[in-house]
Amino acid sequence: MSKNDKFKQTDREEEVSFDDTEINEQEIAEENVADAISELQNEFEREKDRYLRLFAEFENYKKRTSRERVEMFKTAGEDVIVSMLPILDDFERALKEIEKMEGDNHFKGVELINNKLRETLRSKGLELIDAKAGDTFDADLHEAITQIPAPNAKLKGKIIDVVEKGYTLGDKIIRYPKVVIGQ
C-alpha cells in the first residue's frame, strides 16, 4: 500500500468515524429530547389531574355551602319557634278549660288569639305531627315516656295517650310527641 492509499484510507476512516460520532450525538440528542418530552407530558398529566381534583373539590364545596345556606334559611327562626311551643300548649289547656264553661262568650278572644298564633307559626313552616291514641308506635317519630298495660290486646305496641304534641319545622322534627304506649 502506498502512502497515498494509506492517507486516503485514514481519511475515509476519519470521515466514517466522524459520521458515526455525529450520528451517535444526534441519537443521544433525540433520546434526550424524547425523555424531556416524556417528562413534560408526565408533569402535564399530573398537573391536569391535580387541577381536575381541585376543581371537583371546589364544586363540592360550593354545593355543600349552598345546601347548608338553604337549610339555615329554612330553620333560621327555629329557636324562636321552639321557645313558643310551651305557649301553644298553654293556650290549648286554657281552651279546654274555657270549653267547660258553657255559654260564656267572654273568652272568644282567647280562641281567636290562639288561632292567629297557630296560623302565623304554620306560615313559618311549623307543622303538627299527627299522633293519636290507637296509632302504631314509631321510635323514629315518637318519644315514649312510659309504658302501661294495654287495656285490650289491640293496643299492645300502640299509642294509648299523647301527653305532649310534637312539631316539625320544614322537614326537621323540632319536638317529638311524648306518648304513652301499651305493653
N, C-alpha and C. Protein backbone atom coordinates (compact mmCIF):
# COMPACT_ATOMS: atom_id res chain seq x y z
N MET A 1 0.82 -1.15 0.00
CA MET A 1 0.00 0.00 0.00
C MET A 1 0.88 1.24 0.00
N SER A 2 0.53 2.11 -0.85
CA SER A 2 1.34 3.32 -0.94
C SER A 2 0.91 4.32 0.11
N LYS A 3 1.71 5.29 0.22
CA LYS A 3 1.45 6.31 1.23
C LYS A 3 0.14 7.03 0.93
N ASN A 4 -0.09 7.29 -0.30
CA ASN A 4 -1.34 7.96 -0.70
C ASN A 4 -2.54 7.09 -0.38
N ASP A 5 -2.40 5.83 -0.65
CA ASP A 5 -3.50 4.91 -0.36
C ASP A 5 -3.79 4.86 1.13
N LYS A 6 -2.72 4.83 1.90
CA LYS A 6 -2.90 4.82 3.36
C LYS A 6 -3.56 6.11 3.80
N PHE A 7 -3.14 7.22 3.23
CA PHE A 7 -3.68 8.51 3.61
C PHE A 7 -5.17 8.58 3.26
N LYS A 8 -5.52 8.08 2.07
CA LYS A 8 -6.92 8.08 1.64
C LYS A 8 -7.76 7.19 2.55
N GLN A 9 -7.20 6.07 2.91
CA GLN A 9 -7.94 5.14 3.78
C GLN A 9 -8.14 5.77 5.15
N THR A 10 -7.12 6.42 5.71
CA THR A 10 -7.27 7.06 7.02
C THR A 10 -8.29 8.19 6.94
N ASP A 11 -8.28 8.93 5.83
CA ASP A 11 -9.27 10.00 5.68
C ASP A 11 -10.68 9.40 5.67
N ARG A 12 -10.80 8.28 4.96
CA ARG A 12 -12.11 7.64 4.91
C ARG A 12 -12.53 7.14 6.28
N GLU A 13 -11.60 6.57 7.00
CA GLU A 13 -11.90 6.08 8.35
C GLU A 13 -12.29 7.24 9.26
N GLU A 14 -11.55 8.35 9.11
CA GLU A 14 -11.89 9.52 9.92
C GLU A 14 -13.27 10.03 9.55
N GLU A 15 -13.55 10.05 8.22
CA GLU A 15 -14.86 10.51 7.78
C GLU A 15 -15.96 9.59 8.33
N VAL A 16 -15.71 8.29 8.26
CA VAL A 16 -16.69 7.32 8.76
C VAL A 16 -16.82 7.48 10.25
N SER A 17 -15.70 7.59 10.95
CA SER A 17 -15.78 7.74 12.39
C SER A 17 -16.41 9.08 12.74
N PHE A 18 -16.18 10.11 11.95
CA PHE A 18 -16.81 11.40 12.20
C PHE A 18 -18.31 11.29 12.01
N ASP A 19 -18.72 10.57 10.95
CA ASP A 19 -20.14 10.36 10.71
C ASP A 19 -20.76 9.54 11.83
N ASP A 20 -20.08 8.53 12.35
CA ASP A 20 -20.59 7.73 13.46
C ASP A 20 -20.75 8.58 14.71
N THR A 21 -19.79 9.43 14.96
CA THR A 21 -19.87 10.30 16.13
C THR A 21 -21.04 11.27 15.99
N GLU A 22 -21.16 11.78 14.78
CA GLU A 22 -22.26 12.72 14.53
C GLU A 22 -23.61 12.01 14.70
N ILE A 23 -23.72 10.79 14.20
CA ILE A 23 -24.95 10.01 14.32
C ILE A 23 -25.21 9.68 15.79
N ASN A 24 -24.17 9.28 16.52
CA ASN A 24 -24.34 8.97 17.95
C ASN A 24 -24.78 10.21 18.72
N GLU A 25 -24.17 11.35 18.43
CA GLU A 25 -24.57 12.58 19.11
C GLU A 25 -26.01 12.95 18.76
N GLN A 26 -26.38 12.76 17.51
CA GLN A 26 -27.74 13.05 17.08
C GLN A 26 -28.73 12.10 17.76
N GLU A 27 -28.40 10.82 17.86
CA GLU A 27 -29.26 9.85 18.54
C GLU A 27 -29.40 10.21 20.02
N ILE A 28 -28.29 10.58 20.63
CA ILE A 28 -28.33 10.96 22.05
C ILE A 28 -29.19 12.20 22.23
N ALA A 29 -29.02 13.17 21.32
CA ALA A 29 -29.82 14.40 21.40
C ALA A 29 -31.30 14.08 21.22
N GLU A 30 -31.63 13.19 20.28
CA GLU A 30 -33.03 12.79 20.07
C GLU A 30 -33.59 12.07 21.29
N GLU A 31 -32.78 11.20 21.90
CA GLU A 31 -33.22 10.50 23.11
C GLU A 31 -33.45 11.49 24.25
N ASN A 32 -32.55 12.48 24.37
CA ASN A 32 -32.71 13.50 25.42
C ASN A 32 -33.99 14.30 25.19
N VAL A 33 -34.24 14.65 23.94
CA VAL A 33 -35.46 15.38 23.61
C VAL A 33 -36.67 14.52 23.90
N ALA A 34 -36.62 13.25 23.52
CA ALA A 34 -37.75 12.33 23.78
C ALA A 34 -37.97 12.17 25.28
N ASP A 35 -36.89 12.04 26.05
CA ASP A 35 -37.01 11.93 27.51
C ASP A 35 -37.61 13.21 28.10
N ALA A 36 -37.15 14.35 27.61
CA ALA A 36 -37.67 15.64 28.11
C ALA A 36 -39.15 15.78 27.77
N ILE A 37 -39.52 15.39 26.55
CA ILE A 37 -40.94 15.46 26.16
C ILE A 37 -41.76 14.52 27.01
N SER A 38 -41.27 13.31 27.24
CA SER A 38 -41.98 12.34 28.08
C SER A 38 -42.14 12.87 29.50
N GLU A 39 -41.07 13.45 30.02
CA GLU A 39 -41.13 14.01 31.38
C GLU A 39 -42.11 15.17 31.45
N LEU A 40 -42.10 16.03 30.44
CA LEU A 40 -43.05 17.15 30.40
C LEU A 40 -44.49 16.66 30.28
N GLN A 41 -44.71 15.60 29.47
CA GLN A 41 -46.05 15.05 29.35
C GLN A 41 -46.52 14.47 30.68
N ASN A 42 -45.63 13.76 31.38
CA ASN A 42 -45.99 13.21 32.69
C ASN A 42 -46.32 14.33 33.67
N GLU A 43 -45.50 15.38 33.67
CA GLU A 43 -45.75 16.51 34.57
C GLU A 43 -47.06 17.19 34.20
N PHE A 44 -47.31 17.33 32.90
CA PHE A 44 -48.57 17.92 32.44
C PHE A 44 -49.76 17.09 32.93
N GLU A 45 -49.69 15.77 32.81
CA GLU A 45 -50.77 14.88 33.26
C GLU A 45 -50.99 15.01 34.77
N ARG A 46 -49.90 15.08 35.54
CA ARG A 46 -50.01 15.23 37.00
C ARG A 46 -50.69 16.56 37.34
N GLU A 47 -50.27 17.63 36.68
CA GLU A 47 -50.87 18.95 36.94
C GLU A 47 -52.32 18.99 36.49
N LYS A 48 -52.63 18.34 35.38
CA LYS A 48 -54.01 18.29 34.90
C LYS A 48 -54.89 17.54 35.90
N ASP A 49 -54.39 16.41 36.39
CA ASP A 49 -55.11 15.62 37.39
C ASP A 49 -55.32 16.44 38.67
N ARG A 50 -54.27 17.12 39.09
CA ARG A 50 -54.36 17.96 40.29
C ARG A 50 -55.39 19.07 40.11
N TYR A 51 -55.39 19.68 38.92
CA TYR A 51 -56.35 20.73 38.62
C TYR A 51 -57.78 20.20 38.64
N LEU A 52 -58.00 19.04 38.01
CA LEU A 52 -59.35 18.46 37.98
C LEU A 52 -59.84 18.11 39.37
N ARG A 53 -58.95 17.56 40.20
CA ARG A 53 -59.33 17.23 41.57
C ARG A 53 -59.67 18.49 42.37
N LEU A 54 -58.86 19.51 42.20
CA LEU A 54 -59.10 20.77 42.89
C LEU A 54 -60.41 21.40 42.43
N PHE A 55 -60.67 21.34 41.14
CA PHE A 55 -61.91 21.89 40.60
C PHE A 55 -63.12 21.13 41.14
N ALA A 56 -63.02 19.79 41.17
CA ALA A 56 -64.12 18.97 41.70
C ALA A 56 -64.34 19.25 43.18
N GLU A 57 -63.26 19.40 43.92
CA GLU A 57 -63.38 19.71 45.35
C GLU A 57 -64.04 21.06 45.56
N PHE A 58 -63.70 22.03 44.73
CA PHE A 58 -64.32 23.35 44.84
C PHE A 58 -65.80 23.29 44.50
N GLU A 59 -66.17 22.54 43.47
CA GLU A 59 -67.58 22.39 43.10
C GLU A 59 -68.36 21.73 44.25
N ASN A 60 -67.78 20.71 44.87
CA ASN A 60 -68.43 20.07 46.02
C ASN A 60 -68.59 21.05 47.17
N TYR A 61 -67.59 21.87 47.39
CA TYR A 61 -67.65 22.89 48.45
C TYR A 61 -68.79 23.86 48.17
N LYS A 62 -68.91 24.31 46.91
CA LYS A 62 -69.98 25.25 46.56
C LYS A 62 -71.35 24.62 46.79
N LYS A 63 -71.52 23.36 46.37
CA LYS A 63 -72.80 22.69 46.55
C LYS A 63 -73.13 22.51 48.03
N ARG A 64 -72.11 22.10 48.82
CA ARG A 64 -72.33 21.87 50.24
C ARG A 64 -72.71 23.17 50.94
N THR A 65 -72.00 24.25 50.67
CA THR A 65 -72.32 25.53 51.33
C THR A 65 -73.67 26.04 50.88
N SER A 66 -74.03 25.79 49.64
CA SER A 66 -75.34 26.20 49.15
C SER A 66 -76.45 25.45 49.88
N ARG A 67 -76.27 24.12 50.05
CA ARG A 67 -77.27 23.33 50.79
C ARG A 67 -77.36 23.80 52.24
N GLU A 68 -76.19 24.04 52.87
CA GLU A 68 -76.19 24.49 54.26
C GLU A 68 -76.88 25.84 54.39
N ARG A 69 -76.67 26.70 53.42
CA ARG A 69 -77.29 28.03 53.47
C ARG A 69 -78.81 27.93 53.35
N VAL A 70 -79.27 27.10 52.42
CA VAL A 70 -80.71 26.90 52.25
C VAL A 70 -81.30 26.33 53.54
N GLU A 71 -80.62 25.34 54.13
CA GLU A 71 -81.09 24.74 55.38
C GLU A 71 -81.13 25.77 56.50
N MET A 72 -80.12 26.64 56.54
CA MET A 72 -80.07 27.66 57.58
C MET A 72 -81.25 28.63 57.44
N PHE A 73 -81.58 29.01 56.20
CA PHE A 73 -82.70 29.91 56.00
C PHE A 73 -84.03 29.24 56.35
N LYS A 74 -84.12 27.93 56.07
CA LYS A 74 -85.35 27.22 56.40
C LYS A 74 -85.60 27.20 57.91
N THR A 75 -84.56 27.02 58.67
CA THR A 75 -84.72 26.87 60.12
C THR A 75 -84.14 28.05 60.89
N ALA A 76 -84.08 29.22 60.26
CA ALA A 76 -83.48 30.39 60.91
C ALA A 76 -84.23 30.77 62.18
N GLY A 77 -85.54 30.64 62.19
CA GLY A 77 -86.33 31.02 63.35
C GLY A 77 -86.63 29.85 64.27
N GLU A 78 -85.89 28.77 64.14
CA GLU A 78 -86.17 27.56 64.91
C GLU A 78 -86.15 27.83 66.41
N ASP A 79 -85.16 28.57 66.90
CA ASP A 79 -85.07 28.84 68.33
C ASP A 79 -86.30 29.59 68.83
N VAL A 80 -86.75 30.57 68.07
CA VAL A 80 -87.92 31.36 68.48
C VAL A 80 -89.16 30.47 68.49
N ILE A 81 -89.31 29.67 67.46
CA ILE A 81 -90.49 28.81 67.37
C ILE A 81 -90.48 27.76 68.47
N VAL A 82 -89.32 27.17 68.75
CA VAL A 82 -89.22 26.17 69.82
C VAL A 82 -89.58 26.81 71.17
N SER A 83 -89.17 28.04 71.39
CA SER A 83 -89.49 28.70 72.65
C SER A 83 -90.98 29.05 72.74
N MET A 84 -91.68 29.09 71.60
CA MET A 84 -93.12 29.39 71.62
C MET A 84 -93.99 28.16 71.78
N LEU A 85 -93.42 26.97 71.63
CA LEU A 85 -94.23 25.75 71.74
C LEU A 85 -94.90 25.60 73.10
N PRO A 86 -94.24 25.90 74.22
CA PRO A 86 -94.95 25.82 75.50
C PRO A 86 -96.14 26.79 75.59
N ILE A 87 -96.04 27.90 74.91
CA ILE A 87 -97.16 28.85 74.89
C ILE A 87 -98.34 28.24 74.15
N LEU A 88 -98.05 27.55 73.05
CA LEU A 88 -99.12 26.86 72.33
C LEU A 88 -99.78 25.81 73.22
N ASP A 89 -98.97 25.08 73.97
CA ASP A 89 -99.52 24.08 74.89
C ASP A 89 -100.40 24.74 75.94
N ASP A 90 -99.97 25.89 76.48
CA ASP A 90 -100.77 26.60 77.48
C ASP A 90 -102.09 27.08 76.89
N PHE A 91 -102.05 27.58 75.67
CA PHE A 91 -103.28 28.01 75.00
C PHE A 91 -104.24 26.83 74.86
N GLU A 92 -103.71 25.69 74.48
CA GLU A 92 -104.56 24.51 74.30
C GLU A 92 -105.23 24.10 75.62
N ARG A 93 -104.45 24.11 76.70
CA ARG A 93 -105.03 23.78 78.01
C ARG A 93 -106.07 24.81 78.43
N ALA A 94 -105.78 26.08 78.16
CA ALA A 94 -106.73 27.14 78.52
C ALA A 94 -108.03 26.98 77.73
N LEU A 95 -107.92 26.66 76.46
CA LEU A 95 -109.12 26.48 75.64
C LEU A 95 -109.95 25.29 76.11
N LYS A 96 -109.31 24.23 76.59
CA LYS A 96 -110.07 23.09 77.13
C LYS A 96 -110.84 23.51 78.37
N GLU A 97 -110.24 24.33 79.20
CA GLU A 97 -110.94 24.81 80.40
C GLU A 97 -112.07 25.76 80.04
N ILE A 98 -111.86 26.59 79.02
CA ILE A 98 -112.90 27.54 78.59
C ILE A 98 -114.10 26.78 78.04
N GLU A 99 -113.86 25.68 77.32
CA GLU A 99 -114.95 24.88 76.76
C GLU A 99 -115.83 24.30 77.86
N LYS A 100 -115.27 24.09 79.04
CA LYS A 100 -116.05 23.55 80.15
C LYS A 100 -117.08 24.56 80.65
N MET A 101 -116.78 25.84 80.47
CA MET A 101 -117.72 26.89 80.90
C MET A 101 -118.68 27.17 79.75
N GLU A 102 -119.76 26.46 79.72
CA GLU A 102 -120.72 26.60 78.63
C GLU A 102 -121.45 27.94 78.70
N GLY A 103 -121.71 28.47 77.54
CA GLY A 103 -122.49 29.69 77.45
C GLY A 103 -121.73 30.96 77.74
N ASP A 104 -120.44 30.91 78.04
CA ASP A 104 -119.67 32.12 78.36
C ASP A 104 -118.90 32.54 77.12
N ASN A 105 -119.32 33.63 76.51
CA ASN A 105 -118.69 34.11 75.28
C ASN A 105 -117.59 35.13 75.54
N HIS A 106 -117.24 35.35 76.78
CA HIS A 106 -116.22 36.34 77.11
C HIS A 106 -114.82 35.90 76.67
N PHE A 107 -114.64 34.62 76.48
CA PHE A 107 -113.30 34.11 76.18
C PHE A 107 -113.09 33.79 74.69
N LYS A 108 -113.98 34.28 73.84
CA LYS A 108 -113.82 34.07 72.39
C LYS A 108 -112.53 34.72 71.89
N GLY A 109 -112.12 35.80 72.51
CA GLY A 109 -110.89 36.49 72.12
C GLY A 109 -109.67 35.61 72.30
N VAL A 110 -109.67 34.81 73.37
CA VAL A 110 -108.55 33.90 73.62
C VAL A 110 -108.47 32.88 72.48
N GLU A 111 -109.60 32.39 72.06
CA GLU A 111 -109.62 31.42 70.96
C GLU A 111 -109.14 32.05 69.66
N LEU A 112 -109.53 33.30 69.41
CA LEU A 112 -109.07 33.99 68.21
C LEU A 112 -107.56 34.22 68.23
N ILE A 113 -107.03 34.60 69.39
CA ILE A 113 -105.58 34.81 69.51
C ILE A 113 -104.85 33.49 69.29
N ASN A 114 -105.38 32.41 69.84
CA ASN A 114 -104.77 31.08 69.66
C ASN A 114 -104.73 30.72 68.17
N ASN A 115 -105.84 30.91 67.48
CA ASN A 115 -105.90 30.58 66.05
C ASN A 115 -104.92 31.44 65.24
N LYS A 116 -104.84 32.71 65.59
CA LYS A 116 -103.93 33.61 64.88
C LYS A 116 -102.46 33.19 65.09
N LEU A 117 -102.12 32.84 66.33
CA LEU A 117 -100.76 32.40 66.63
C LEU A 117 -100.43 31.12 65.88
N ARG A 118 -101.34 30.17 65.88
CA ARG A 118 -101.11 28.90 65.18
C ARG A 118 -100.94 29.12 63.67
N GLU A 119 -101.77 29.97 63.08
CA GLU A 119 -101.67 30.24 61.65
C GLU A 119 -100.37 30.95 61.29
N THR A 120 -99.93 31.86 62.14
CA THR A 120 -98.67 32.56 61.90
C THR A 120 -97.50 31.57 61.94
N LEU A 121 -97.50 30.70 62.94
CA LEU A 121 -96.43 29.71 63.03
C LEU A 121 -96.50 28.70 61.88
N ARG A 122 -97.69 28.35 61.47
CA ARG A 122 -97.85 27.43 60.33
C ARG A 122 -97.28 28.07 59.06
N SER A 123 -97.49 29.38 58.88
CA SER A 123 -96.96 30.06 57.71
C SER A 123 -95.42 30.10 57.72
N LYS A 124 -94.83 29.98 58.90
CA LYS A 124 -93.36 29.95 59.01
C LYS A 124 -92.81 28.54 58.89
N GLY A 125 -93.68 27.54 58.67
CA GLY A 125 -93.23 26.18 58.42
C GLY A 125 -93.48 25.21 59.56
N LEU A 126 -94.12 25.65 60.64
CA LEU A 126 -94.38 24.76 61.77
C LEU A 126 -95.58 23.88 61.45
N GLU A 127 -95.40 22.58 61.59
CA GLU A 127 -96.48 21.61 61.35
C GLU A 127 -96.61 20.68 62.54
N LEU A 128 -97.84 20.32 62.87
CA LEU A 128 -98.13 19.40 63.95
C LEU A 128 -97.89 17.97 63.47
N ILE A 129 -97.22 17.16 64.30
CA ILE A 129 -97.04 15.74 63.99
C ILE A 129 -98.31 15.03 64.45
N ASP A 130 -98.94 14.37 63.53
CA ASP A 130 -100.21 13.71 63.82
C ASP A 130 -99.96 12.42 64.61
N ALA A 131 -100.23 12.48 65.89
CA ALA A 131 -100.11 11.31 66.76
C ALA A 131 -101.36 11.25 67.63
N LYS A 132 -102.05 10.13 67.56
CA LYS A 132 -103.28 10.00 68.37
C LYS A 132 -103.37 8.58 68.92
N ALA A 133 -104.21 8.43 69.89
CA ALA A 133 -104.40 7.13 70.52
C ALA A 133 -104.82 6.11 69.48
N GLY A 134 -104.19 4.94 69.55
CA GLY A 134 -104.50 3.87 68.61
C GLY A 134 -103.50 3.75 67.47
N ASP A 135 -102.69 4.80 67.25
CA ASP A 135 -101.66 4.73 66.20
C ASP A 135 -100.55 3.78 66.64
N THR A 136 -99.86 3.21 65.67
CA THR A 136 -98.72 2.35 65.95
C THR A 136 -97.54 3.20 66.40
N PHE A 137 -96.87 2.76 67.44
CA PHE A 137 -95.70 3.50 67.97
C PHE A 137 -94.54 3.35 67.00
N ASP A 138 -93.92 4.49 66.67
CA ASP A 138 -92.74 4.52 65.80
C ASP A 138 -91.65 5.28 66.54
N ALA A 139 -90.57 4.59 66.88
CA ALA A 139 -89.50 5.20 67.67
C ALA A 139 -88.82 6.35 66.93
N ASP A 140 -88.92 6.38 65.60
CA ASP A 140 -88.33 7.48 64.84
C ASP A 140 -89.18 8.75 64.89
N LEU A 141 -90.46 8.60 65.20
CA LEU A 141 -91.37 9.74 65.20
C LEU A 141 -91.92 10.10 66.58
N HIS A 142 -91.88 9.18 67.51
CA HIS A 142 -92.48 9.41 68.83
C HIS A 142 -91.45 9.21 69.94
N GLU A 143 -91.73 9.84 71.06
CA GLU A 143 -90.91 9.64 72.25
C GLU A 143 -91.79 9.00 73.30
N ALA A 144 -91.47 7.75 73.66
CA ALA A 144 -92.26 7.03 74.66
C ALA A 144 -91.79 7.48 76.04
N ILE A 145 -92.71 8.03 76.84
CA ILE A 145 -92.32 8.45 78.18
C ILE A 145 -92.63 7.37 79.21
N THR A 146 -93.57 6.49 78.89
CA THR A 146 -93.87 5.38 79.79
C THR A 146 -94.64 4.30 79.04
N GLN A 147 -94.66 3.12 79.66
CA GLN A 147 -95.45 2.01 79.13
C GLN A 147 -96.41 1.56 80.23
N ILE A 148 -97.62 1.33 79.83
CA ILE A 148 -98.61 0.82 80.79
C ILE A 148 -99.24 -0.43 80.19
N PRO A 149 -99.84 -1.27 81.04
CA PRO A 149 -100.53 -2.44 80.49
C PRO A 149 -101.65 -1.99 79.54
N ALA A 150 -101.71 -2.62 78.40
CA ALA A 150 -102.71 -2.25 77.40
C ALA A 150 -104.10 -2.66 77.87
N PRO A 151 -105.08 -1.75 77.73
CA PRO A 151 -106.45 -2.07 78.14
C PRO A 151 -107.04 -3.25 77.36
N ASN A 152 -106.61 -3.44 76.12
CA ASN A 152 -107.04 -4.61 75.34
C ASN A 152 -105.89 -5.04 74.43
N ALA A 153 -106.01 -6.20 73.84
CA ALA A 153 -104.93 -6.78 73.05
C ALA A 153 -104.63 -5.97 71.79
N LYS A 154 -105.61 -5.23 71.28
CA LYS A 154 -105.40 -4.44 70.07
C LYS A 154 -104.43 -3.27 70.31
N LEU A 155 -104.31 -2.80 71.54
CA LEU A 155 -103.47 -1.63 71.83
C LEU A 155 -102.04 -1.98 72.25
N LYS A 156 -101.65 -3.24 72.20
CA LYS A 156 -100.27 -3.61 72.53
C LYS A 156 -99.34 -3.05 71.46
N GLY A 157 -98.32 -2.31 71.91
CA GLY A 157 -97.37 -1.69 70.99
C GLY A 157 -97.91 -0.46 70.28
N LYS A 158 -99.06 0.00 70.71
CA LYS A 158 -99.68 1.17 70.09
C LYS A 158 -99.74 2.31 71.10
N ILE A 159 -100.01 3.48 70.60
CA ILE A 159 -100.12 4.67 71.44
C ILE A 159 -101.44 4.64 72.19
N ILE A 160 -101.35 4.80 73.52
CA ILE A 160 -102.56 4.84 74.33
C ILE A 160 -102.96 6.28 74.62
N ASP A 161 -101.97 7.15 74.85
CA ASP A 161 -102.26 8.55 75.15
C ASP A 161 -101.12 9.43 74.63
N VAL A 162 -101.46 10.65 74.18
CA VAL A 162 -100.47 11.64 73.75
C VAL A 162 -100.40 12.67 74.86
N VAL A 163 -99.25 12.73 75.55
CA VAL A 163 -99.06 13.65 76.67
C VAL A 163 -98.70 15.04 76.17
N GLU A 164 -97.83 15.12 75.16
CA GLU A 164 -97.41 16.40 74.61
C GLU A 164 -97.28 16.26 73.10
N LYS A 165 -97.83 17.21 72.36
CA LYS A 165 -97.81 17.15 70.91
C LYS A 165 -96.41 17.42 70.38
N GLY A 166 -96.15 16.90 69.19
CA GLY A 166 -94.87 17.10 68.54
C GLY A 166 -95.02 17.98 67.32
N TYR A 167 -93.91 18.61 66.92
CA TYR A 167 -93.95 19.54 65.80
C TYR A 167 -92.74 19.35 64.89
N THR A 168 -92.94 19.68 63.62
CA THR A 168 -91.84 19.72 62.66
C THR A 168 -91.71 21.14 62.13
N LEU A 169 -90.49 21.50 61.79
CA LEU A 169 -90.23 22.78 61.14
C LEU A 169 -89.57 22.43 59.82
N GLY A 170 -90.32 22.56 58.74
CA GLY A 170 -89.84 22.07 57.45
C GLY A 170 -89.84 20.55 57.50
N ASP A 171 -88.69 19.96 57.22
CA ASP A 171 -88.56 18.50 57.27
C ASP A 171 -87.94 18.02 58.57
N LYS A 172 -87.60 18.94 59.44
CA LYS A 172 -86.88 18.60 60.66
C LYS A 172 -87.85 18.54 61.85
N ILE A 173 -87.73 17.48 62.64
CA ILE A 173 -88.56 17.36 63.85
C ILE A 173 -87.90 18.21 64.92
N ILE A 174 -88.67 19.20 65.44
CA ILE A 174 -88.10 20.06 66.49
C ILE A 174 -88.59 19.66 67.88
N ARG A 175 -89.69 18.93 67.93
CA ARG A 175 -90.14 18.36 69.21
C ARG A 175 -90.92 17.09 68.90
N TYR A 176 -90.46 15.99 69.50
CA TYR A 176 -91.13 14.71 69.30
C TYR A 176 -92.38 14.66 70.18
N PRO A 177 -93.46 14.04 69.68
CA PRO A 177 -94.63 13.89 70.53
C PRO A 177 -94.33 12.90 71.66
N LYS A 178 -94.68 13.28 72.89
CA LYS A 178 -94.45 12.39 74.05
C LYS A 178 -95.71 11.57 74.22
N VAL A 179 -95.52 10.23 74.19
CA VAL A 179 -96.67 9.34 74.18
C VAL A 179 -96.52 8.25 75.25
N VAL A 180 -97.66 7.69 75.61
CA VAL A 180 -97.73 6.52 76.49
C VAL A 180 -98.11 5.36 75.60
N ILE A 181 -97.37 4.26 75.72
CA ILE A 181 -97.65 3.12 74.84
C ILE A 181 -98.11 1.92 75.66
N GLY A 182 -98.87 1.05 75.01
CA GLY A 182 -99.39 -0.15 75.66
C GLY A 182 -98.39 -1.28 75.63
N GLN A 183 -98.39 -2.03 76.70
CA GLN A 183 -97.41 -3.12 76.84
C GLN A 183 -98.09 -4.46 76.76
